[in-house]
């Protein structure tokens, strides 16, 4: 159990986050794709492929506030997002 306790402070000091789309509500797929496009600046096909390929990384190396904001936006439209 000692290793887990040692890892906790490192996690607390994390400064860069990756936003990952785990899954999405199929009924809301279009909305999720639109939101991913707005966030990533990807083209329609690339955004669609990213969403359909979930779990997939949406954006990397973000500050916690930015990552949380993206998570909230995508969650609102039916996506399931995790921060890593």
N, C-alpha and C. Protein backbone atom coordinates (compact mmCIF):
# COMPACT_ATOMS: atom_id res chain seq x y z
N UNK A 1 0.82 -1.21 0.00
CA UNK A 1 0.00 0.00 0.00
C UNK A 1 0.84 1.25 0.00
N UNK A 2 2.14 1.15 0.27
CA UNK A 2 3.00 2.33 0.34
C UNK A 2 3.15 3.04 -0.99
N UNK A 3 3.17 2.29 -2.08
CA UNK A 3 3.37 2.89 -3.40
C UNK A 3 2.20 3.80 -3.77
N UNK A 4 0.99 3.39 -3.43
CA UNK A 4 -0.18 4.21 -3.73
C UNK A 4 -0.12 5.53 -3.01
N UNK A 5 0.30 5.52 -1.77
CA UNK A 5 0.38 6.75 -0.98
C UNK A 5 1.45 7.68 -1.54
N UNK A 6 2.53 7.12 -2.03
CA UNK A 6 3.61 7.94 -2.58
C UNK A 6 3.18 8.58 -3.89
N UNK A 7 2.32 7.91 -4.65
CA UNK A 7 1.87 8.43 -5.95
C UNK A 7 0.88 9.58 -5.78
N UNK A 8 0.15 9.61 -4.69
CA UNK A 8 -0.89 10.63 -4.50
C UNK A 8 -0.37 12.06 -4.56
N UNK A 9 0.72 12.41 -3.86
CA UNK A 9 1.20 13.80 -3.95
C UNK A 9 1.60 14.19 -5.38
N UNK A 10 2.15 13.27 -6.13
CA UNK A 10 2.54 13.55 -7.51
C UNK A 10 1.30 13.88 -8.34
N UNK A 11 0.23 13.14 -8.13
CA UNK A 11 -1.00 13.38 -8.87
C UNK A 11 -1.58 14.74 -8.50
N UNK A 12 -1.49 15.10 -7.24
CA UNK A 12 -2.03 16.38 -6.77
C UNK A 12 -1.27 17.54 -7.40
N UNK A 13 -0.01 17.31 -7.74
CA UNK A 13 0.82 18.37 -8.31
C UNK A 13 0.74 18.40 -9.84
N UNK A 14 -0.14 17.59 -10.41
CA UNK A 14 -0.25 17.52 -11.87
C UNK A 14 -0.63 18.89 -12.43
N UNK A 15 0.09 19.31 -13.46
CA UNK A 15 -0.17 20.64 -14.02
C UNK A 15 -0.70 20.56 -15.45
N UNK A 16 -0.49 19.44 -16.11
CA UNK A 16 -0.98 19.30 -17.48
C UNK A 16 -1.94 18.14 -17.56
N UNK A 17 -3.07 18.39 -18.21
CA UNK A 17 -4.12 17.39 -18.28
C UNK A 17 -4.46 17.06 -19.72
N UNK A 18 -4.88 15.80 -19.91
CA UNK A 18 -5.36 15.34 -21.20
C UNK A 18 -6.86 15.12 -21.06
N UNK A 19 -7.61 15.64 -22.01
CA UNK A 19 -9.06 15.45 -22.02
C UNK A 19 -9.35 14.29 -22.96
N UNK A 20 -10.02 13.28 -22.44
CA UNK A 20 -10.28 12.08 -23.22
C UNK A 20 -11.77 11.79 -23.26
N UNK A 21 -12.29 11.57 -24.46
CA UNK A 21 -13.69 11.19 -24.63
C UNK A 21 -13.77 9.69 -24.44
N UNK A 22 -14.45 9.25 -23.39
CA UNK A 22 -14.58 7.82 -23.09
C UNK A 22 -15.68 7.21 -23.95
N UNK A 23 -16.82 7.87 -24.00
CA UNK A 23 -17.97 7.38 -24.74
C UNK A 23 -18.96 8.53 -24.91
N UNK A 24 -20.09 8.25 -25.53
CA UNK A 24 -21.10 9.29 -25.73
C UNK A 24 -22.46 8.64 -25.92
N UNK A 25 -23.49 9.44 -25.71
CA UNK A 25 -24.85 8.99 -25.93
C UNK A 25 -25.08 8.98 -27.45
N UNK A 26 -25.33 7.79 -28.04
CA UNK A 26 -25.50 7.73 -29.50
C UNK A 26 -26.57 8.70 -30.03
N UNK A 27 -27.60 8.96 -29.23
CA UNK A 27 -28.65 9.88 -29.66
C UNK A 27 -28.13 11.31 -29.75
N UNK A 28 -27.02 11.60 -29.07
CA UNK A 28 -26.46 12.96 -29.03
C UNK A 28 -25.17 13.08 -29.86
N UNK A 29 -24.90 12.07 -30.68
CA UNK A 29 -23.62 12.03 -31.40
C UNK A 29 -23.32 13.30 -32.19
N UNK A 30 -24.31 13.82 -32.91
CA UNK A 30 -24.09 15.02 -33.73
C UNK A 30 -23.64 16.19 -32.84
N UNK A 31 -24.31 16.36 -31.71
CA UNK A 31 -23.96 17.46 -30.79
C UNK A 31 -22.55 17.27 -30.24
N UNK A 32 -22.20 16.03 -29.91
CA UNK A 32 -20.86 15.75 -29.38
C UNK A 32 -19.81 16.07 -30.45
N UNK A 33 -20.08 15.66 -31.69
CA UNK A 33 -19.15 15.94 -32.80
C UNK A 33 -18.98 17.45 -32.98
N UNK A 34 -20.08 18.19 -32.95
CA UNK A 34 -20.01 19.65 -33.12
C UNK A 34 -19.15 20.28 -32.02
N UNK A 35 -19.34 19.81 -30.79
CA UNK A 35 -18.59 20.37 -29.65
C UNK A 35 -17.10 20.02 -29.79
N UNK A 36 -16.80 18.78 -30.18
CA UNK A 36 -15.41 18.36 -30.37
C UNK A 36 -14.77 19.18 -31.48
N UNK A 37 -15.51 19.42 -32.54
CA UNK A 37 -14.98 20.25 -33.64
C UNK A 37 -14.64 21.65 -33.16
N UNK A 38 -15.53 22.23 -32.37
CA UNK A 38 -15.31 23.60 -31.88
C UNK A 38 -14.07 23.66 -30.99
N UNK A 39 -13.88 22.63 -30.20
CA UNK A 39 -12.76 22.60 -29.26
C UNK A 39 -11.43 22.32 -29.95
N UNK A 40 -11.45 21.41 -30.92
CA UNK A 40 -10.20 20.94 -31.52
C UNK A 40 -9.83 21.66 -32.81
N UNK A 41 -10.78 22.36 -33.42
CA UNK A 41 -10.57 22.99 -34.73
C UNK A 41 -10.39 21.95 -35.83
N UNK A 42 -10.84 20.72 -35.59
CA UNK A 42 -10.72 19.68 -36.61
C UNK A 42 -11.81 19.87 -37.65
N UNK A 43 -11.60 19.23 -38.81
CA UNK A 43 -12.63 19.22 -39.84
C UNK A 43 -13.74 18.26 -39.42
N UNK A 44 -14.84 18.28 -40.15
CA UNK A 44 -15.99 17.44 -39.79
C UNK A 44 -15.63 15.96 -39.78
N UNK A 45 -14.97 15.49 -40.82
CA UNK A 45 -14.64 14.06 -40.89
C UNK A 45 -13.71 13.65 -39.75
N UNK A 46 -12.69 14.47 -39.47
CA UNK A 46 -11.74 14.14 -38.40
C UNK A 46 -12.44 14.12 -37.04
N UNK A 47 -13.31 15.11 -36.80
CA UNK A 47 -14.03 15.16 -35.52
C UNK A 47 -14.96 13.96 -35.39
N UNK A 48 -15.63 13.61 -36.49
CA UNK A 48 -16.54 12.47 -36.49
C UNK A 48 -15.76 11.18 -36.20
N UNK A 49 -14.61 11.02 -36.86
CA UNK A 49 -13.78 9.83 -36.64
C UNK A 49 -13.30 9.76 -35.20
N UNK A 50 -12.92 10.91 -34.64
CA UNK A 50 -12.44 10.95 -33.26
C UNK A 50 -13.55 10.51 -32.31
N UNK A 51 -14.74 11.07 -32.48
CA UNK A 51 -15.87 10.73 -31.60
C UNK A 51 -16.25 9.27 -31.76
N UNK A 52 -16.37 8.80 -33.00
CA UNK A 52 -16.76 7.41 -33.24
C UNK A 52 -15.69 6.44 -32.77
N UNK A 53 -14.45 6.91 -32.66
CA UNK A 53 -13.35 6.07 -32.22
C UNK A 53 -13.15 6.07 -30.71
N UNK A 54 -14.09 6.68 -29.98
CA UNK A 54 -13.96 6.77 -28.51
C UNK A 54 -13.74 5.38 -27.92
N UNK A 55 -12.88 5.25 -26.91
CA UNK A 55 -12.18 6.33 -26.20
C UNK A 55 -11.06 6.95 -27.05
N UNK A 56 -11.03 8.28 -27.04
CA UNK A 56 -10.05 9.01 -27.84
C UNK A 56 -9.66 10.31 -27.15
N UNK A 57 -8.42 10.71 -27.34
CA UNK A 57 -7.93 11.95 -26.75
C UNK A 57 -8.46 13.13 -27.56
N UNK A 58 -9.03 14.10 -26.88
CA UNK A 58 -9.54 15.30 -27.53
C UNK A 58 -8.47 16.39 -27.55
N UNK A 59 -7.86 16.61 -26.39
CA UNK A 59 -6.82 17.63 -26.28
C UNK A 59 -5.84 17.28 -25.18
N UNK A 60 -4.57 17.63 -25.40
CA UNK A 60 -3.52 17.32 -24.43
C UNK A 60 -2.88 18.59 -23.89
N UNK A 61 -2.12 18.41 -22.82
CA UNK A 61 -1.30 19.47 -22.24
C UNK A 61 -2.10 20.73 -21.88
N UNK A 62 -3.23 20.51 -21.24
CA UNK A 62 -4.08 21.63 -20.85
C UNK A 62 -3.94 21.93 -19.36
N UNK A 63 -4.18 23.19 -19.01
CA UNK A 63 -4.26 23.54 -17.60
C UNK A 63 -5.56 22.95 -17.07
N UNK A 64 -5.59 22.72 -15.77
CA UNK A 64 -6.76 22.09 -15.15
C UNK A 64 -8.06 22.84 -15.46
N UNK A 65 -8.03 24.17 -15.39
CA UNK A 65 -9.24 24.96 -15.64
C UNK A 65 -9.75 24.73 -17.06
N UNK A 66 -8.83 24.72 -18.03
CA UNK A 66 -9.22 24.53 -19.43
C UNK A 66 -9.77 23.13 -19.65
N UNK A 67 -9.10 22.15 -19.06
CA UNK A 67 -9.54 20.76 -19.19
C UNK A 67 -10.93 20.59 -18.59
N UNK A 68 -11.16 21.19 -17.42
CA UNK A 68 -12.47 21.10 -16.75
C UNK A 68 -13.55 21.77 -17.61
N UNK A 69 -13.22 22.90 -18.23
CA UNK A 69 -14.18 23.61 -19.07
C UNK A 69 -14.60 22.76 -20.27
N UNK A 70 -13.62 22.10 -20.89
CA UNK A 70 -13.91 21.23 -22.04
C UNK A 70 -14.75 20.04 -21.59
N UNK A 71 -14.38 19.46 -20.46
CA UNK A 71 -15.13 18.33 -19.93
C UNK A 71 -16.60 18.72 -19.72
N UNK A 72 -16.81 19.89 -19.15
CA UNK A 72 -18.17 20.35 -18.88
C UNK A 72 -18.96 20.54 -20.17
N UNK A 73 -18.33 21.17 -21.18
CA UNK A 73 -19.01 21.41 -22.45
C UNK A 73 -19.45 20.10 -23.11
N UNK A 74 -18.53 19.14 -23.14
CA UNK A 74 -18.84 17.88 -23.81
C UNK A 74 -19.84 17.05 -23.00
N UNK A 75 -19.73 17.12 -21.68
CA UNK A 75 -20.67 16.40 -20.83
C UNK A 75 -22.09 16.92 -21.01
N UNK A 76 -22.21 18.23 -21.21
CA UNK A 76 -23.53 18.85 -21.40
C UNK A 76 -24.23 18.32 -22.63
N UNK A 77 -23.48 17.95 -23.67
CA UNK A 77 -24.11 17.49 -24.90
C UNK A 77 -24.15 15.96 -25.01
N UNK A 78 -23.82 15.26 -23.93
CA UNK A 78 -23.99 13.80 -23.96
C UNK A 78 -22.72 12.99 -24.05
N UNK A 79 -21.56 13.64 -23.96
CA UNK A 79 -20.30 12.90 -23.99
C UNK A 79 -19.83 12.54 -22.59
N UNK A 80 -19.10 11.43 -22.50
CA UNK A 80 -18.52 11.03 -21.22
C UNK A 80 -17.02 11.29 -21.32
N UNK A 81 -16.54 12.21 -20.49
CA UNK A 81 -15.16 12.68 -20.59
C UNK A 81 -14.39 12.39 -19.30
N UNK A 82 -13.12 12.02 -19.45
CA UNK A 82 -12.26 11.86 -18.28
C UNK A 82 -11.04 12.74 -18.48
N UNK A 83 -10.47 13.19 -17.36
CA UNK A 83 -9.24 13.97 -17.40
C UNK A 83 -8.12 13.07 -16.92
N UNK A 84 -7.03 13.08 -17.65
CA UNK A 84 -5.89 12.24 -17.27
C UNK A 84 -4.67 13.12 -17.05
